[in-house]
Amino acid sequence: MVRMLLSFFIFFGLASVAVADSGLVNVKSTHSAKDTADRLEKALATKGMTVFIRIDHAAGAKKADLALPPTELVIFGNPKVGTPLMQCSRSVAIDLPQKALIWEDDQGQVWLAYNDPAYLATRHAITGCEAVLKKVDGALKNFAAAATQP
């Protein structure tokens, strides 16, 4: 019974979220790439996050006479959250500010991906910052949901 309930929650609760060995959390979006990026930017602004830049890789490809399906990178952060992580392990600064990649795959499905905080903790041997990592994880999940869900 427990196994069946666990399977149910994994299938229905996490069907649109996957964590790969690459340390990325990938979330299916119900919106176009542009709308997903717009929604993400709005959610970030609502929570007082700074959006440093939004890079449209498809537009860059077009300028080089190359084709690339919609692919955007949103770089954002907040020093109140990032600084405590850097105080725990300075090397995590290479992965900050946070990034979200929004892209359309070959089947037309739009995805939003971001670095899994647990992966960053392992990559940078972060210890003693579990509360900060948990806060970052929750915030990233909430931003991703706001950008990707109906």
C-alpha atoms as a PDB file:
ATOM      1  CA  MET A   1       0.000   0.000   0.000  1.00  0.00           C
ATOM      2  CA  VAL A   2       2.772   2.434   0.920  1.00  0.00           C
ATOM      3  CA  ARG A   3       4.622   1.590  -2.284  1.00  0.00           C
ATOM      4  CA  MET A   4       1.457   2.218  -4.313  1.00  0.00           C
ATOM      5  CA  LEU A   5       0.865   5.601  -2.627  1.00  0.00           C
ATOM      6  CA  LEU A   6       4.485   6.569  -3.153  1.00  0.00           C
ATOM      7  CA  SER A   7       4.227   5.651  -6.835  1.00  0.00           C
ATOM      8  CA  PHE A   8       1.059   7.728  -7.121  1.00  0.00           C
ATOM      9  CA  PHE A   9       2.697  10.825  -5.626  1.00  0.00           C
ATOM     10  CA  ILE A  10       5.840  10.406  -7.689  1.00  0.00           C
ATOM     11  CA  PHE A  11       3.882   9.998 -10.910  1.00  0.00           C
ATOM     12  CA  PHE A  12       1.288  12.714 -10.367  1.00  0.00           C
ATOM     13  CA  GLY A  13       3.124  15.054  -8.031  1.00  0.00           C
ATOM     14  CA  LEU A  14       6.474  15.074  -9.753  1.00  0.00           C
ATOM     15  CA  ALA A  15       5.596  14.148 -13.315  1.00  0.00           C
ATOM     16  CA  SER A  16       6.502  17.630 -14.498  1.00  0.00           C
ATOM     17  CA  VAL A  17       9.709  17.923 -12.448  1.00  0.00           C
ATOM     18  CA  ALA A  18      12.914  15.986 -12.964  1.00  0.00           C
ATOM     19  CA  VAL A  19      16.347  16.256 -11.409  1.00  0.00           C
ATOM     20  CA  ALA A  20      19.127  14.989 -13.622  1.00  0.00           C
ATOM     21  CA  ASP A  21      22.619  13.895 -12.652  1.00  0.00           C
ATOM     22  CA  SER A  22      23.756  17.203 -14.108  1.00  0.00           C
ATOM     23  CA  GLY A  23      22.415  18.963 -11.027  1.00  0.00           C
ATOM     24  CA  LEU A  24      19.611  20.642 -12.930  1.00  0.00           C
ATOM     25  CA  VAL A  25      15.981  20.683 -11.903  1.00  0.00           C
ATOM     26  CA  ASN A  26      13.848  20.597 -15.072  1.00  0.00           C
ATOM     27  CA  VAL A  27      10.221  21.707 -14.877  1.00  0.00           C
ATOM     28  CA  LYS A  28       7.703  21.358 -17.735  1.00  0.00           C
ATOM     29  CA  SER A  29       5.919  24.551 -18.622  1.00  0.00           C
ATOM     30  CA  THR A  30       2.347  24.927 -19.824  1.00  0.00           C
ATOM     31  CA  HIS A  31       3.298  28.193 -21.550  1.00  0.00           C
ATOM     32  CA  SER A  32       5.432  29.296 -24.475  1.00  0.00           C
ATOM     33  CA  ALA A  33       9.108  29.979 -23.795  1.00  0.00           C
ATOM     34  CA  LYS A  34       8.574  33.737 -23.951  1.00  0.00           C
ATOM     35  CA  ASP A  35       5.536  33.619 -21.671  1.00  0.00           C
ATOM     36  CA  THR A  36       7.381  31.352 -19.228  1.00  0.00           C
ATOM     37  CA  ALA A  37      10.320  33.773 -19.084  1.00  0.00           C
ATOM     38  CA  ASP A  38       7.932  36.747 -18.715  1.00  0.00           C
ATOM     39  CA  ARG A  39       6.072  34.995 -15.904  1.00  0.00           C
ATOM     40  CA  LEU A  40       9.339  34.121 -14.177  1.00  0.00           C
ATOM     41  CA  GLU A  41      10.532  37.728 -14.383  1.00  0.00           C
ATOM     42  CA  LYS A  42       7.235  38.926 -12.900  1.00  0.00           C
ATOM     43  CA  ALA A  43       7.381  36.364 -10.050  1.00  0.00           C
ATOM     44  CA  LEU A  44      10.974  37.363  -9.270  1.00  0.00           C
ATOM     45  CA  ALA A  45      10.103  41.071  -9.197  1.00  0.00           C
ATOM     46  CA  THR A  46       7.132  40.405  -6.926  1.00  0.00           C
ATOM     47  CA  LYS A  47       9.488  38.802  -4.372  1.00  0.00           C
ATOM     48  CA  GLY A  48      12.058  41.595  -4.546  1.00  0.00           C
ATOM     49  CA  MET A  49      14.618  39.682  -6.574  1.00  0.00           C
ATOM     50  CA  THR A  50      16.890  41.548  -8.970  1.00  0.00           C
ATOM     51  CA  VAL A  51      16.814  40.403 -12.588  1.00  0.00           C
ATOM     52  CA  PHE A  52      20.299  41.247 -13.815  1.00  0.00           C
ATOM     53  CA  ILE A  53      19.839  40.212 -17.421  1.00  0.00           C
ATOM     54  CA  ARG A  54      17.661  38.185 -19.742  1.00  0.00           C
ATOM     55  CA  ILE A  55      19.552  36.627 -22.629  1.00  0.00           C
ATOM     56  CA  ASP A  56      17.692  35.503 -25.746  1.00  0.00           C
ATOM     57  CA  HIS A  57      20.007  32.874 -27.233  1.00  0.00           C
ATOM     58  CA  ALA A  58      17.669  32.254 -30.195  1.00  0.00           C
ATOM     59  CA  ALA A  59      17.893  35.930 -31.160  1.00  0.00           C
ATOM     60  CA  GLY A  60      21.679  35.719 -30.931  1.00  0.00           C
ATOM     61  CA  ALA A  61      21.681  32.645 -33.139  1.00  0.00           C
ATOM     62  CA  LYS A  62      19.503  34.427 -35.685  1.00  0.00           C
ATOM     63  CA  LYS A  63      22.015  37.315 -35.859  1.00  0.00           C
ATOM     64  CA  ALA A  64      24.656  34.722 -36.746  1.00  0.00           C
ATOM     65  CA  ASP A  65      22.357  33.261 -39.423  1.00  0.00           C
ATOM     66  CA  LEU A  66      21.824  30.117 -37.346  1.00  0.00           C
ATOM     67  CA  ALA A  67      18.603  28.528 -36.152  1.00  0.00           C
ATOM     68  CA  LEU A  68      17.859  27.797 -32.502  1.00  0.00           C
ATOM     69  CA  PRO A  69      14.450  27.089 -30.983  1.00  0.00           C
ATOM     70  CA  PRO A  70      13.349  29.518 -28.258  1.00  0.00           C
ATOM     71  CA  THR A  71      16.067  29.520 -25.588  1.00  0.00           C
ATOM     72  CA  GLU A  72      16.298  32.204 -22.905  1.00  0.00           C
ATOM     73  CA  LEU A  73      18.465  32.585 -19.820  1.00  0.00           C
ATOM     74  CA  VAL A  74      17.313  34.720 -16.898  1.00  0.00           C
ATOM     75  CA  ILE A  75      20.015  35.679 -14.387  1.00  0.00           C
ATOM     76  CA  PHE A  76      18.701  36.860 -11.029  1.00  0.00           C
ATOM     77  CA  GLY A  77      19.512  37.060  -7.361  1.00  0.00           C
ATOM     78  CA  ASN A  78      19.397  38.740  -4.010  1.00  0.00           C
ATOM     79  CA  PRO A  79      22.525  39.396  -1.923  1.00  0.00           C
ATOM     80  CA  LYS A  80      20.572  38.667   1.265  1.00  0.00           C
ATOM     81  CA  VAL A  81      20.367  35.048   0.118  1.00  0.00           C
ATOM     82  CA  GLY A  82      23.508  34.642  -1.982  1.00  0.00           C
ATOM     83  CA  THR A  83      25.939  36.211   0.469  1.00  0.00           C
ATOM     84  CA  PRO A  84      25.267  33.695   3.277  1.00  0.00           C
ATOM     85  CA  LEU A  85      25.964  30.878   0.805  1.00  0.00           C
ATOM     86  CA  MET A  86      29.228  32.516  -0.211  1.00  0.00           C
ATOM     87  CA  GLN A  87      30.131  32.914   3.458  1.00  0.00           C
ATOM     88  CA  CYS A  88      29.809  29.138   3.805  1.00  0.00           C
ATOM     89  CA  SER A  89      31.797  28.382   0.660  1.00  0.00           C
ATOM     90  CA  ARG A  90      33.272  31.164  -1.433  1.00  0.00           C
ATOM     91  CA  SER A  91      33.481  28.970  -4.556  1.00  0.00           C
ATOM     92  CA  VAL A  92      29.681  28.910  -4.843  1.00  0.00           C
ATOM     93  CA  ALA A  93      30.029  32.441  -6.222  1.00  0.00           C
ATOM     94  CA  ILE A  94      30.858  30.847  -9.595  1.00  0.00           C
ATOM     95  CA  ASP A  95      27.237  29.612  -9.681  1.00  0.00           C
ATOM     96  CA  LEU A  96      25.706  32.844  -8.382  1.00  0.00           C
ATOM     97  CA  PRO A  97      23.677  34.793  -9.182  1.00  0.00           C
ATOM     98  CA  GLN A  98      21.022  32.202  -9.842  1.00  0.00           C
ATOM     99  CA  LYS A  99      20.089  31.300 -13.390  1.00  0.00           C
ATOM    100  CA  ALA A 100      16.966  29.905 -15.000  1.00  0.00           C
ATOM    101  CA  LEU A 101      17.076  28.464 -18.500  1.00  0.00           C
ATOM    102  CA  ILE A 102      13.839  28.390 -20.465  1.00  0.00           C
ATOM    103  CA  TRP A 103      13.870  26.458 -23.711  1.00  0.00           C
ATOM    104  CA  GLU A 104      11.683  24.625 -26.195  1.00  0.00           C
ATOM    105  CA  ASP A 105      12.701  21.057 -26.997  1.00  0.00           C
ATOM    106  CA  ASP A 106      12.469  19.318 -30.375  1.00  0.00           C
ATOM    107  CA  GLN A 107       8.906  18.197 -29.630  1.00  0.00           C
ATOM    108  CA  GLY A 108       7.740  21.735 -28.825  1.00  0.00           C
ATOM    109  CA  GLN A 109       7.647  21.199 -25.051  1.00  0.00           C
ATOM    110  CA  VAL A 110       8.861  24.184 -23.045  1.00  0.00           C
ATOM    111  CA  TRP A 111      11.077  23.609 -20.002  1.00  0.00           C
ATOM    112  CA  LEU A 112      12.470  25.722 -17.197  1.00  0.00           C
ATOM    113  CA  ALA A 113      15.711  24.525 -15.588  1.00  0.00           C
ATOM    114  CA  TYR A 114      17.719  25.757 -12.630  1.00  0.00           C
ATOM    115  CA  ASN A 115      20.607  24.523 -10.499  1.00  0.00           C
ATOM    116  CA  ASP A 116      19.528  22.184  -7.721  1.00  0.00           C
ATOM    117  CA  PRO A 117      20.701  23.741  -4.420  1.00  0.00           C
ATOM    118  CA  ALA A 118      21.574  20.244  -3.130  1.00  0.00           C
ATOM    119  CA  TYR A 119      23.880  19.809  -6.115  1.00  0.00           C
ATOM    120  CA  LEU A 120      25.507  23.168  -5.398  1.00  0.00           C
ATOM    121  CA  ALA A 121      25.982  22.148  -1.762  1.00  0.00           C
ATOM    122  CA  THR A 122      27.790  18.995  -2.871  1.00  0.00           C
ATOM    123  CA  ARG A 123      29.743  20.698  -5.634  1.00  0.00           C
ATOM    124  CA  HIS A 124      31.043  23.395  -3.293  1.00  0.00           C
ATOM    125  CA  ALA A 125      31.242  21.322  -0.082  1.00  0.00           C
ATOM    126  CA  ILE A 126      28.830  23.695   1.652  1.00  0.00           C
ATOM    127  CA  THR A 127      28.306  22.773   5.287  1.00  0.00           C
ATOM    128  CA  GLY A 128      26.476  24.568   8.047  1.00  0.00           C
ATOM    129  CA  CYS A 129      24.135  26.356   5.647  1.00  0.00           C
ATOM    130  CA  GLU A 130      21.291  23.853   5.546  1.00  0.00           C
ATOM    131  CA  ALA A 131      18.676  26.473   6.493  1.00  0.00           C
ATOM    132  CA  VAL A 132      19.833  28.827   3.726  1.00  0.00           C
ATOM    133  CA  LEU A 133      19.920  25.997   1.179  1.00  0.00           C
ATOM    134  CA  LYS A 134      16.411  24.944   2.195  1.00  0.00           C
ATOM    135  CA  LYS A 135      15.192  28.534   1.783  1.00  0.00           C
ATOM    136  CA  VAL A 136      16.810  28.795  -1.659  1.00  0.00           C
ATOM    137  CA  ASP A 137      15.330  25.441  -2.701  1.00  0.00           C
ATOM    138  CA  GLY A 138      11.829  26.508  -1.673  1.00  0.00           C
ATOM    139  CA  ALA A 139      12.139  29.876  -3.399  1.00  0.00           C
ATOM    140  CA  LEU A 140      13.378  28.323  -6.653  1.00  0.00           C
ATOM    141  CA  LYS A 141      10.535  25.787  -6.620  1.00  0.00           C
ATOM    142  CA  ASN A 142       8.017  28.581  -6.065  1.00  0.00           C
ATOM    143  CA  PHE A 143       9.475  30.737  -8.857  1.00  0.00           C
ATOM    144  CA  ALA A 144       9.479  27.772 -11.232  1.00  0.00           C
ATOM    145  CA  ALA A 145       5.867  26.934 -10.397  1.00  0.00           C
ATOM    146  CA  ALA A 146       4.756  30.546 -10.875  1.00  0.00           C
ATOM    147  CA  ALA A 147       6.425  30.615 -14.288  1.00  0.00           C
ATOM    148  CA  THR A 148       5.354  27.206 -15.588  1.00  0.00           C
ATOM    149  CA  GLN A 149       1.945  26.313 -14.177  1.00  0.00           C
ATOM    150  CA  PRO A 150      -1.439  27.367 -15.619  1.00  0.00           C
END
